[in-house]
Amino acid sequence: MTEKTPTVGDLVRPTPKIEVPEEVQDAVRTLIRWTGDDPEREGLIDTPRRVARAWAEYAKGYNEDPSLHLSRTFEEVGGYDEIVLLKDIPFQSHCEHHMAPIIGKAAIAYLPGDRVVGISKLARVLHGFARRLQVQERLTRQVADTIWEHLEPRGVAVVIEASHACMTARGVNTPGVMMTTSRIIGTFREDERSRKEVLALMGY
């Protein structure tokens, strides 16, 4: 029997769409109706399903433990004992008060003890916590504390800057405003010179 050569269609298959319970779709229909539109009109007929699937993606951080990304570490680093910094990491989250978008960037730094971790894992920790209903202060603390607890470094510094649609697109309606939060632990907190160095590397 001649073996069939795989095609692009065989190799790249779309991710199956999740089934959305009718009660979830009804909740979205109720909101559409309450805002003054008709959920049965052509442009909105499939919106409840789309909204539900979008939220399954926005909130997928609830289905993971971000600390697991730090479980594989490396002790052989060629004697490197200086700051490890990943900055300008883009992220998206949603405010737990209005479920409005939070869009920003983060800088994550640590001073290794005996172990380092792959740099992509720092971004994965951030995204794991960001993909939940959040407040920026808690997100900043969760990222820093998780790195501190699981990597056992000598210092951790996390700075997050973000724009909150609950402020920029409603309420006070003030676009362009950025909120900055930080959490500094260990050597970076205790030693002024180390703190200034890491903040300068971050651009602050």
N, C-alpha and C. Protein backbone atom coordinates (compact mmCIF):
# COMPACT_ATOMS: atom_id res chain seq x y z
N MET A 1 0.85 -1.19 0.00
CA MET A 1 0.00 0.00 0.00
C MET A 1 0.89 1.25 0.00
N THR A 2 0.59 2.18 -0.89
CA THR A 2 1.35 3.42 -0.98
C THR A 2 0.98 4.35 0.15
N GLU A 3 2.00 4.83 0.85
CA GLU A 3 1.74 5.72 1.99
C GLU A 3 1.47 7.13 1.48
N LYS A 4 0.41 7.73 1.97
CA LYS A 4 0.03 9.07 1.54
C LYS A 4 0.96 10.11 2.14
N THR A 5 1.40 11.04 1.30
CA THR A 5 2.23 12.14 1.77
C THR A 5 1.37 13.15 2.50
N PRO A 6 1.72 13.52 3.75
CA PRO A 6 0.90 14.48 4.50
C PRO A 6 0.83 15.82 3.79
N THR A 7 -0.31 16.43 3.82
CA THR A 7 -0.49 17.77 3.27
C THR A 7 -0.46 18.78 4.41
N VAL A 8 -0.42 20.06 4.06
CA VAL A 8 -0.46 21.11 5.08
C VAL A 8 -1.72 20.97 5.91
N GLY A 9 -2.83 20.63 5.27
CA GLY A 9 -4.09 20.48 5.99
C GLY A 9 -4.04 19.35 7.00
N ASP A 10 -3.25 18.31 6.70
CA ASP A 10 -3.12 17.20 7.65
C ASP A 10 -2.27 17.60 8.85
N LEU A 11 -1.27 18.44 8.60
CA LEU A 11 -0.32 18.79 9.66
C LEU A 11 -0.82 19.92 10.54
N VAL A 12 -1.59 20.84 9.99
CA VAL A 12 -2.07 22.00 10.74
C VAL A 12 -3.58 21.91 10.83
N ARG A 13 -4.06 21.42 11.94
CA ARG A 13 -5.51 21.30 12.14
C ARG A 13 -5.97 22.37 13.11
N PRO A 14 -7.13 22.98 12.84
CA PRO A 14 -7.62 24.01 13.76
C PRO A 14 -7.96 23.42 15.12
N THR A 15 -7.74 24.23 16.16
CA THR A 15 -8.10 23.80 17.51
C THR A 15 -9.62 23.66 17.61
N PRO A 16 -10.10 22.50 18.08
CA PRO A 16 -11.55 22.33 18.18
C PRO A 16 -12.17 23.37 19.10
N LYS A 17 -13.30 23.92 18.69
CA LYS A 17 -13.96 24.94 19.48
C LYS A 17 -14.69 24.30 20.65
N ILE A 18 -14.63 24.96 21.82
CA ILE A 18 -15.27 24.41 23.00
C ILE A 18 -16.79 24.56 22.89
N GLU A 19 -17.47 23.63 23.49
CA GLU A 19 -18.93 23.71 23.57
C GLU A 19 -19.32 24.73 24.64
N VAL A 20 -20.26 25.58 24.30
CA VAL A 20 -20.69 26.61 25.24
C VAL A 20 -22.07 26.26 25.79
N PRO A 21 -22.21 26.09 27.10
CA PRO A 21 -23.52 25.76 27.68
C PRO A 21 -24.55 26.83 27.35
N GLU A 22 -25.79 26.42 27.16
CA GLU A 22 -26.86 27.34 26.79
C GLU A 22 -27.06 28.40 27.86
N GLU A 23 -26.86 28.05 29.13
CA GLU A 23 -27.06 29.03 30.20
C GLU A 23 -26.05 30.18 30.10
N VAL A 24 -24.85 29.86 29.62
CA VAL A 24 -23.84 30.91 29.44
C VAL A 24 -24.25 31.83 28.29
N GLN A 25 -24.71 31.24 27.20
CA GLN A 25 -25.17 32.05 26.08
C GLN A 25 -26.38 32.91 26.48
N ASP A 26 -27.25 32.34 27.29
CA ASP A 26 -28.42 33.10 27.74
C ASP A 26 -28.01 34.32 28.56
N ALA A 27 -26.95 34.15 29.36
CA ALA A 27 -26.46 35.27 30.17
C ALA A 27 -25.99 36.42 29.27
N VAL A 28 -25.29 36.08 28.19
CA VAL A 28 -24.83 37.12 27.26
C VAL A 28 -26.01 37.75 26.54
N ARG A 29 -26.99 36.94 26.15
CA ARG A 29 -28.19 37.48 25.49
C ARG A 29 -28.92 38.45 26.42
N THR A 30 -28.98 38.11 27.69
CA THR A 30 -29.63 39.00 28.66
C THR A 30 -28.92 40.33 28.73
N LEU A 31 -27.60 40.31 28.73
CA LEU A 31 -26.82 41.55 28.79
C LEU A 31 -27.04 42.38 27.53
N ILE A 32 -27.05 41.72 26.36
CA ILE A 32 -27.29 42.45 25.10
C ILE A 32 -28.67 43.10 25.13
N ARG A 33 -29.65 42.34 25.59
CA ARG A 33 -31.02 42.85 25.64
C ARG A 33 -31.12 44.01 26.62
N TRP A 34 -30.43 43.90 27.75
CA TRP A 34 -30.47 44.94 28.79
C TRP A 34 -29.83 46.23 28.31
N THR A 35 -28.80 46.11 27.45
CA THR A 35 -28.15 47.31 26.94
C THR A 35 -28.98 48.00 25.86
N GLY A 36 -30.03 47.33 25.36
CA GLY A 36 -30.93 47.97 24.42
C GLY A 36 -30.93 47.41 23.01
N ASP A 37 -30.26 46.30 22.80
CA ASP A 37 -30.22 45.73 21.45
C ASP A 37 -30.98 44.40 21.42
N ASP A 38 -31.08 43.85 20.23
CA ASP A 38 -31.84 42.61 20.02
C ASP A 38 -30.87 41.46 19.77
N PRO A 39 -30.73 40.53 20.71
CA PRO A 39 -29.78 39.43 20.54
C PRO A 39 -30.15 38.48 19.41
N GLU A 40 -31.34 38.62 18.86
CA GLU A 40 -31.76 37.74 17.77
C GLU A 40 -31.51 38.33 16.38
N ARG A 41 -31.05 39.58 16.33
CA ARG A 41 -30.80 40.14 15.00
C ARG A 41 -29.55 39.49 14.40
N GLU A 42 -29.42 39.60 13.08
CA GLU A 42 -28.40 38.85 12.35
C GLU A 42 -26.99 39.08 12.88
N GLY A 43 -26.63 40.33 13.14
CA GLY A 43 -25.27 40.63 13.57
C GLY A 43 -24.92 40.13 14.96
N LEU A 44 -25.95 39.83 15.76
CA LEU A 44 -25.72 39.42 17.15
C LEU A 44 -26.08 37.96 17.42
N ILE A 45 -26.61 37.28 16.45
CA ILE A 45 -27.13 35.93 16.70
C ILE A 45 -26.06 34.96 17.22
N ASP A 46 -24.82 35.10 16.74
CA ASP A 46 -23.75 34.21 17.19
C ASP A 46 -22.85 34.85 18.25
N THR A 47 -23.17 36.09 18.63
CA THR A 47 -22.32 36.79 19.60
C THR A 47 -22.23 36.10 20.96
N PRO A 48 -23.32 35.58 21.53
CA PRO A 48 -23.18 34.92 22.84
C PRO A 48 -22.17 33.77 22.84
N ARG A 49 -22.15 33.00 21.77
CA ARG A 49 -21.19 31.90 21.70
C ARG A 49 -19.76 32.43 21.56
N ARG A 50 -19.62 33.46 20.74
CA ARG A 50 -18.29 34.04 20.54
C ARG A 50 -17.76 34.67 21.83
N VAL A 51 -18.62 35.39 22.53
CA VAL A 51 -18.21 36.03 23.78
C VAL A 51 -17.77 34.99 24.80
N ALA A 52 -18.53 33.92 24.91
CA ALA A 52 -18.20 32.87 25.87
C ALA A 52 -16.85 32.23 25.54
N ARG A 53 -16.62 31.96 24.27
CA ARG A 53 -15.35 31.35 23.88
C ARG A 53 -14.18 32.31 24.08
N ALA A 54 -14.44 33.60 23.85
CA ALA A 54 -13.40 34.59 24.10
C ALA A 54 -13.04 34.62 25.58
N TRP A 55 -14.06 34.55 26.45
CA TRP A 55 -13.79 34.59 27.88
C TRP A 55 -13.11 33.32 28.37
N ALA A 56 -13.37 32.21 27.71
CA ALA A 56 -12.65 30.98 28.06
C ALA A 56 -11.15 31.17 27.82
N GLU A 57 -10.81 31.97 26.80
CA GLU A 57 -9.41 32.26 26.51
C GLU A 57 -8.86 33.33 27.45
N TYR A 58 -9.64 34.40 27.66
CA TYR A 58 -9.19 35.47 28.55
C TYR A 58 -8.87 34.95 29.95
N ALA A 59 -9.65 33.97 30.40
CA ALA A 59 -9.56 33.50 31.78
C ALA A 59 -8.91 32.12 31.91
N LYS A 60 -8.12 31.73 30.91
CA LYS A 60 -7.56 30.38 30.96
C LYS A 60 -6.49 30.22 32.04
N GLY A 61 -6.07 31.34 32.65
CA GLY A 61 -5.11 31.24 33.74
C GLY A 61 -5.64 30.51 34.95
N TYR A 62 -6.98 30.45 35.09
CA TYR A 62 -7.55 29.72 36.21
C TYR A 62 -7.29 28.22 36.09
N ASN A 63 -6.98 27.75 34.90
CA ASN A 63 -6.79 26.32 34.67
C ASN A 63 -5.33 25.90 34.75
N GLU A 64 -4.46 26.80 35.22
CA GLU A 64 -3.05 26.43 35.32
C GLU A 64 -2.45 26.94 36.62
N ASP A 65 -1.36 26.32 37.01
CA ASP A 65 -0.59 26.75 38.16
C ASP A 65 0.68 27.41 37.62
N PRO A 66 0.77 28.75 37.63
CA PRO A 66 1.93 29.42 37.03
C PRO A 66 3.27 28.99 37.63
N SER A 67 3.27 28.55 38.87
CA SER A 67 4.53 28.16 39.50
C SER A 67 5.16 26.94 38.83
N LEU A 68 4.36 26.14 38.14
CA LEU A 68 4.90 24.96 37.46
C LEU A 68 5.90 25.33 36.37
N HIS A 69 5.78 26.56 35.86
CA HIS A 69 6.72 26.99 34.82
C HIS A 69 8.13 27.17 35.38
N LEU A 70 8.24 27.22 36.71
CA LEU A 70 9.54 27.41 37.35
C LEU A 70 10.11 26.11 37.90
N SER A 71 9.48 24.99 37.58
CA SER A 71 9.89 23.72 38.15
C SER A 71 11.16 23.16 37.51
N ARG A 72 11.44 23.56 36.27
CA ARG A 72 12.66 23.09 35.61
C ARG A 72 13.69 24.21 35.64
N THR A 73 14.74 24.02 36.42
CA THR A 73 15.76 25.05 36.57
C THR A 73 17.12 24.49 36.17
N PHE A 74 18.11 25.39 36.08
CA PHE A 74 19.46 25.00 35.66
C PHE A 74 20.47 25.54 36.68
N GLU A 75 21.38 24.67 37.08
CA GLU A 75 22.41 25.07 38.04
C GLU A 75 23.72 25.42 37.35
N GLU A 76 23.93 24.92 36.14
CA GLU A 76 25.16 25.20 35.41
C GLU A 76 24.98 26.46 34.58
N VAL A 77 25.48 27.58 35.09
CA VAL A 77 25.32 28.87 34.41
C VAL A 77 26.66 29.54 34.16
N GLY A 78 27.74 28.78 34.18
CA GLY A 78 29.06 29.33 33.88
C GLY A 78 29.53 30.37 34.87
N GLY A 79 29.10 30.25 36.12
CA GLY A 79 29.54 31.19 37.14
C GLY A 79 28.80 32.51 37.13
N TYR A 80 27.73 32.61 36.34
CA TYR A 80 26.98 33.87 36.25
C TYR A 80 26.24 34.14 37.56
N ASP A 81 26.44 35.34 38.12
CA ASP A 81 25.79 35.67 39.39
C ASP A 81 25.29 37.11 39.40
N GLU A 82 24.94 37.62 38.23
CA GLU A 82 24.44 38.98 38.13
C GLU A 82 22.93 38.97 37.85
N ILE A 83 22.36 40.14 37.70
CA ILE A 83 20.91 40.28 37.50
C ILE A 83 20.45 39.64 36.20
N VAL A 84 19.34 38.93 36.28
CA VAL A 84 18.65 38.41 35.10
C VAL A 84 17.38 39.24 34.94
N LEU A 85 17.22 39.87 33.79
CA LEU A 85 16.11 40.80 33.59
C LEU A 85 15.41 40.52 32.27
N LEU A 86 14.09 40.46 32.33
CA LEU A 86 13.25 40.39 31.13
C LEU A 86 12.30 41.58 31.22
N LYS A 87 12.36 42.48 30.23
CA LYS A 87 11.51 43.68 30.32
C LYS A 87 10.68 43.86 29.05
N ASP A 88 9.72 44.79 29.16
CA ASP A 88 8.79 45.07 28.06
C ASP A 88 8.02 43.81 27.66
N ILE A 89 7.59 43.03 28.65
CA ILE A 89 6.79 41.83 28.39
C ILE A 89 5.33 42.28 28.26
N PRO A 90 4.74 42.18 27.08
CA PRO A 90 3.35 42.61 26.93
C PRO A 90 2.39 41.62 27.57
N PHE A 91 1.30 42.12 28.12
CA PHE A 91 0.30 41.22 28.69
C PHE A 91 -1.07 41.88 28.59
N GLN A 92 -2.10 41.05 28.71
CA GLN A 92 -3.48 41.52 28.77
C GLN A 92 -4.17 40.81 29.93
N SER A 93 -5.00 41.56 30.62
CA SER A 93 -5.78 41.00 31.71
C SER A 93 -7.14 41.68 31.70
N HIS A 94 -7.95 41.40 32.73
CA HIS A 94 -9.26 42.05 32.85
C HIS A 94 -9.50 42.44 34.30
N CYS A 95 -9.97 43.66 34.48
CA CYS A 95 -10.26 44.19 35.80
C CYS A 95 -11.41 43.42 36.46
N GLU A 96 -11.23 43.02 37.71
CA GLU A 96 -12.26 42.24 38.37
C GLU A 96 -13.47 43.09 38.79
N HIS A 97 -13.34 44.41 38.73
CA HIS A 97 -14.45 45.27 39.13
C HIS A 97 -15.43 45.54 38.00
N HIS A 98 -14.90 45.70 36.77
CA HIS A 98 -15.77 45.99 35.63
C HIS A 98 -15.59 44.99 34.49
N MET A 99 -14.67 44.03 34.64
CA MET A 99 -14.34 43.06 33.61
C MET A 99 -13.88 43.77 32.33
N ALA A 100 -13.26 44.93 32.51
CA ALA A 100 -12.74 45.71 31.39
C ALA A 100 -11.26 45.37 31.18
N PRO A 101 -10.76 45.55 29.96
CA PRO A 101 -9.37 45.17 29.66
C PRO A 101 -8.33 45.97 30.45
N ILE A 102 -7.28 45.26 30.82
CA ILE A 102 -6.06 45.86 31.37
C ILE A 102 -4.97 45.48 30.37
N ILE A 103 -4.32 46.46 29.78
CA ILE A 103 -3.29 46.19 28.77
C ILE A 103 -2.01 46.88 29.18
N GLY A 104 -0.92 46.12 29.25
CA GLY A 104 0.31 46.75 29.71
C GLY A 104 1.54 45.94 29.41
N LYS A 105 2.59 46.26 30.15
CA LYS A 105 3.87 45.56 30.00
C LYS A 105 4.49 45.40 31.38
N ALA A 106 5.37 44.42 31.49
CA ALA A 106 6.01 44.14 32.77
C ALA A 106 7.51 43.99 32.60
N ALA A 107 8.23 44.32 33.67
CA ALA A 107 9.66 44.04 33.77
C ALA A 107 9.84 43.12 34.96
N ILE A 108 10.53 42.01 34.75
CA ILE A 108 10.75 41.02 35.80
C ILE A 108 12.24 40.75 35.92
N ALA A 109 12.79 40.92 37.12
CA ALA A 109 14.21 40.69 37.34
C ALA A 109 14.42 39.85 38.59
N TYR A 110 15.50 39.06 38.56
CA TYR A 110 15.89 38.36 39.78
C TYR A 110 17.40 38.22 39.82
N LEU A 111 17.92 38.12 41.03
CA LEU A 111 19.34 37.90 41.25
C LEU A 111 19.50 36.44 41.66
N PRO A 112 20.03 35.58 40.80
CA PRO A 112 20.03 34.14 41.06
C PRO A 112 20.77 33.76 42.33
N GLY A 113 20.26 32.69 42.93
CA GLY A 113 20.98 32.05 44.02
C GLY A 113 21.79 30.93 43.40
N ASP A 114 21.26 29.71 43.49
CA ASP A 114 21.94 28.56 42.90
C ASP A 114 21.34 28.14 41.57
N ARG A 115 20.19 28.73 41.19
CA ARG A 115 19.49 28.24 40.00
C ARG A 115 18.98 29.39 39.15
N VAL A 116 18.89 29.10 37.85
CA VAL A 116 18.23 30.01 36.93
C VAL A 116 17.17 29.22 36.19
N VAL A 117 16.30 29.95 35.49
CA VAL A 117 15.21 29.33 34.76
C VAL A 117 15.20 29.88 33.35
N GLY A 118 14.67 29.12 32.40
CA GLY A 118 14.55 29.62 31.04
C GLY A 118 13.78 30.92 31.01
N ILE A 119 14.26 31.91 30.24
CA ILE A 119 13.68 33.26 30.32
C ILE A 119 12.21 33.29 29.90
N SER A 120 11.81 32.41 28.99
CA SER A 120 10.40 32.42 28.58
C SER A 120 9.48 32.07 29.73
N LYS A 121 10.02 31.38 30.72
CA LYS A 121 9.19 30.96 31.86
C LYS A 121 8.76 32.15 32.71
N LEU A 122 9.55 33.21 32.73
CA LEU A 122 9.16 34.40 33.47
C LEU A 122 7.91 35.02 32.85
N ALA A 123 7.89 35.07 31.52
CA ALA A 123 6.71 35.59 30.83
C ALA A 123 5.51 34.69 31.05
N ARG A 124 5.74 33.38 31.09
CA ARG A 124 4.63 32.44 31.30
C ARG A 124 4.02 32.59 32.68
N VAL A 125 4.85 32.87 33.68
CA VAL A 125 4.32 33.12 35.02
C VAL A 125 3.42 34.35 35.00
N LEU A 126 3.89 35.42 34.36
CA LEU A 126 3.09 36.64 34.24
C LEU A 126 1.76 36.35 33.56
N HIS A 127 1.79 35.67 32.43
CA HIS A 127 0.56 35.41 31.68
C HIS A 127 -0.39 34.49 32.43
N GLY A 128 0.18 33.55 33.18
CA GLY A 128 -0.67 32.64 33.94
C GLY A 128 -1.53 33.37 34.97
N PHE A 129 -0.95 34.38 35.60
CA PHE A 129 -1.72 35.17 36.58
C PHE A 129 -2.55 36.26 35.90
N ALA A 130 -2.07 36.79 34.76
CA ALA A 130 -2.79 37.87 34.09
C ALA A 130 -4.09 37.37 33.47
N ARG A 131 -4.13 36.12 33.05
CA ARG A 131 -5.32 35.59 32.39
C ARG A 131 -6.35 35.13 33.42
N ARG A 132 -6.66 36.06 34.29
CA ARG A 132 -7.68 35.89 35.32
C ARG A 132 -8.30 37.27 35.56
N LEU A 133 -9.37 37.32 36.31
CA LEU A 133 -9.89 38.62 36.74
C LEU A 133 -8.91 39.15 37.78
N GLN A 134 -8.43 40.38 37.59
CA GLN A 134 -7.31 40.85 38.39
C GLN A 134 -7.47 42.29 38.85
N VAL A 135 -6.63 42.65 39.81
CA VAL A 135 -6.27 44.04 40.08
C VAL A 135 -4.75 44.08 39.91
N GLN A 136 -4.24 45.18 39.43
CA GLN A 136 -2.82 45.23 39.08
C GLN A 136 -1.91 45.03 40.28
N GLU A 137 -2.31 45.54 41.42
CA GLU A 137 -1.48 45.38 42.62
C GLU A 137 -1.29 43.90 42.96
N ARG A 138 -2.38 43.13 42.89
CA ARG A 138 -2.28 41.71 43.22
C ARG A 138 -1.47 40.96 42.17
N LEU A 139 -1.67 41.30 40.90
CA LEU A 139 -0.91 40.66 39.83
C LEU A 139 0.59 40.85 40.05
N THR A 140 0.99 42.06 40.40
CA THR A 140 2.40 42.36 40.64
C THR A 140 2.95 41.51 41.78
N ARG A 141 2.19 41.44 42.86
CA ARG A 141 2.63 40.65 44.01
C ARG A 141 2.70 39.17 43.69
N GLN A 142 1.71 38.65 42.98
CA GLN A 142 1.68 37.21 42.66
C GLN A 142 2.89 36.80 41.83
N VAL A 143 3.24 37.61 40.85
CA VAL A 143 4.39 37.28 39.99
C VAL A 143 5.67 37.29 40.82
N ALA A 144 5.87 38.34 41.58
CA ALA A 144 7.11 38.46 42.37
C ALA A 144 7.21 37.36 43.43
N ASP A 145 6.12 37.14 44.15
CA ASP A 145 6.17 36.15 45.23
C ASP A 145 6.37 34.73 44.71
N THR A 146 5.81 34.43 43.55
CA THR A 146 5.97 33.09 42.98
C THR A 146 7.42 32.84 42.59
N ILE A 147 8.06 33.83 41.99
CA ILE A 147 9.47 33.70 41.63
C ILE A 147 10.33 33.58 42.89
N TRP A 148 10.03 34.39 43.88
CA TRP A 148 10.79 34.37 45.14
C TRP A 148 10.68 33.00 45.82
N GLU A 149 9.49 32.47 45.85
CA GLU A 149 9.26 31.20 46.55
C GLU A 149 9.85 30.00 45.82
N HIS A 150 9.74 29.98 44.50
CA HIS A 150 10.10 28.75 43.77
C HIS A 150 11.51 28.75 43.19
N LEU A 151 12.10 29.93 42.95
CA LEU A 151 13.48 29.96 42.47
C LEU A 151 14.48 30.18 43.61
N GLU A 152 13.99 30.70 44.74
CA GLU A 152 14.84 31.01 45.89
C GLU A 152 16.04 31.86 45.48
N PRO A 153 15.80 32.98 44.79
CA PRO A 153 16.90 33.87 44.40
C PRO A 153 17.29 34.78 45.55
N ARG A 154 18.31 35.59 45.32
CA ARG A 154 18.72 36.55 46.34
C ARG A 154 17.89 37.83 46.30
N GLY A 155 17.26 38.07 45.17
CA GLY A 155 16.40 39.25 45.06
C GLY A 155 15.45 39.11 43.88
N VAL A 156 14.30 39.77 44.00
CA VAL A 156 13.30 39.78 42.92
C VAL A 156 12.76 41.21 42.80
N ALA A 157 12.56 41.65 41.57
CA ALA A 157 11.94 42.96 41.32
C ALA A 157 10.96 42.81 40.16
N VAL A 158 9.74 43.27 40.37
CA VAL A 158 8.72 43.24 39.32
C VAL A 158 8.09 44.62 39.25
N VAL A 159 8.05 45.18 38.05
CA VAL A 159 7.39 46.47 37.82
C VAL A 159 6.41 46.28 36.66
N ILE A 160 5.16 46.70 36.88
CA ILE A 160 4.13 46.57 35.85
C ILE A 160 3.54 47.94 35.56
N GLU A 161 3.42 48.25 34.27
CA GLU A 161 2.75 49.46 33.81
C GLU A 161 1.57 49.02 32.94
N ALA A 162 0.41 49.61 33.18
CA ALA A 162 -0.76 49.19 32.41
C ALA A 162 -1.80 50.29 32.29
N SER A 163 -2.57 50.19 31.23
CA SER A 163 -3.71 51.07 31.01
C SER A 163 -4.97 50.28 31.33
N HIS A 164 -5.89 50.90 32.07
CA HIS A 164 -7.10 50.24 32.52
C HIS A 164 -8.32 50.84 31.81
N ALA A 165 -9.00 50.01 31.02
CA ALA A 165 -10.16 50.50 30.26
C ALA A 165 -11.30 50.92 31.18
N CYS A 166 -11.33 50.42 32.42
CA CYS A 166 -12.38 50.84 33.35
C CYS A 166 -12.23 52.31 33.70
N MET A 167 -11.04 52.87 33.44
CA MET A 167 -10.81 54.30 33.68
C MET A 167 -10.72 55.08 32.37
N THR A 168 -10.11 54.48 31.34
CA THR A 168 -9.86 55.20 30.10
C THR A 168 -11.07 55.23 29.17
N ALA A 169 -11.95 54.22 29.25
CA ALA A 169 -13.06 54.12 28.31
C ALA A 169 -14.43 54.32 28.96
N ARG A 170 -14.45 54.55 30.26
CA ARG A 170 -15.71 54.77 30.98
C ARG A 170 -15.39 55.61 32.23
N GLY A 171 -16.40 55.85 33.04
CA GLY A 171 -16.16 56.58 34.28
C GLY A 171 -15.56 57.95 34.04
N VAL A 172 -14.31 58.13 34.48
CA VAL A 172 -13.65 59.42 34.34
C VAL A 172 -13.21 59.68 32.90
N ASN A 173 -13.21 58.64 32.05
CA ASN A 173 -12.89 58.78 30.63
C ASN A 173 -11.59 59.57 30.40
N THR A 174 -10.50 59.00 30.90
CA THR A 174 -9.21 59.67 30.79
C THR A 174 -8.21 58.77 30.07
N PRO A 175 -8.20 58.80 28.73
CA PRO A 175 -7.28 57.95 27.97
C PRO A 175 -5.83 58.37 28.15
N GLY A 176 -4.93 57.43 27.95
CA GLY A 176 -3.51 57.72 28.01
C GLY A 176 -2.89 57.60 29.39
N VAL A 177 -3.70 57.34 30.40
CA VAL A 177 -3.19 57.22 31.77
C VAL A 177 -2.62 55.82 31.99
N MET A 178 -1.42 55.74 32.54
CA MET A 178 -0.79 54.46 32.85
C MET A 178 -0.63 54.33 34.37
N MET A 179 -0.90 53.15 34.87
CA MET A 179 -0.72 52.86 36.30
C MET A 179 0.55 52.01 36.44
N THR A 180 1.38 52.37 37.42
CA THR A 180 2.62 51.63 37.68
C THR A 180 2.59 51.04 39.08
N THR A 181 2.92 49.76 39.17
CA THR A 181 3.02 49.07 40.46
C THR A 181 4.34 48.31 40.50
N SER A 182 4.86 48.11 41.69
CA SER A 182 6.13 47.39 41.82
C SER A 182 6.13 46.54 43.08
N ARG A 183 6.95 45.51 43.03
CA ARG A 183 7.23 44.71 44.24
C ARG A 183 8.70 44.36 44.21
N ILE A 184 9.40 44.72 45.28
CA ILE A 184 10.84 44.52 45.40
C ILE A 184 11.09 43.64 46.62
N ILE A 185 11.85 42.56 46.45
CA ILE A 185 12.08 41.60 47.54
C ILE A 185 13.57 41.29 47.64
N GLY A 186 14.00 40.94 48.85
CA GLY A 186 15.37 40.46 49.07
C GLY A 186 16.41 41.55 48.93
N THR A 187 17.53 41.22 48.29
CA THR A 187 18.65 42.14 48.15
C THR A 187 18.24 43.45 47.50
N PHE A 188 17.34 43.39 46.53
CA PHE A 188 16.91 44.60 45.83
C PHE A 188 16.17 45.56 46.77
N ARG A 189 15.60 45.03 47.81
CA ARG A 189 14.90 45.88 48.78
C ARG A 189 15.83 46.34 49.90
N GLU A 190 16.73 45.45 50.30
CA GLU A 190 17.57 45.72 51.45
C GLU A 190 18.79 46.58 51.12
N ASP A 191 19.30 46.46 49.89
CA ASP A 191 20.51 47.16 49.50
C ASP A 191 20.17 48.25 48.49
N GLU A 192 20.40 49.50 48.88
CA GLU A 192 20.00 50.64 48.03
C GLU A 192 20.71 50.62 46.68
N ARG A 193 21.99 50.26 46.67
CA ARG A 193 22.74 50.24 45.41
C ARG A 193 22.18 49.19 44.45
N SER A 194 21.83 48.01 44.99
CA SER A 194 21.25 46.96 44.16
C SER A 194 19.88 47.37 43.63
N ARG A 195 19.10 48.04 44.48
CA ARG A 195 17.78 48.50 44.06
C ARG A 195 17.89 49.52 42.93
N LYS A 196 18.80 50.47 43.07
CA LYS A 196 19.00 51.47 42.03
C LYS A 196 19.48 50.83 40.73
N GLU A 197 20.35 49.82 40.86
CA GLU A 197 20.86 49.15 39.66
C GLU A 197 19.75 48.44 38.89
N VAL A 198 18.92 47.69 39.59
CA VAL A 198 17.89 46.93 38.88
C VAL A 198 16.84 47.85 38.30
N LEU A 199 16.50 48.91 39.02
CA LEU A 199 15.49 49.85 38.50
C LEU A 199 16.05 50.61 37.30
N ALA A 200 17.34 50.92 37.31
CA ALA A 200 17.96 51.60 36.17
C ALA A 200 17.96 50.69 34.94
N LEU A 201 18.26 49.41 35.14
CA LEU A 201 18.23 48.45 34.02
C LEU A 201 16.82 48.32 33.45
N MET A 202 15.82 48.45 34.32
CA MET A 202 14.44 48.38 33.88
C MET A 202 14.01 49.66 33.17
N GLY A 203 14.76 50.74 33.38
CA GLY A 203 14.43 52.01 32.75
C GLY A 203 13.68 52.96 33.66
N TYR A 204 13.84 52.78 34.99
CA TYR A 204 13.14 53.65 35.95
C TYR A 204 14.14 54.43 36.79
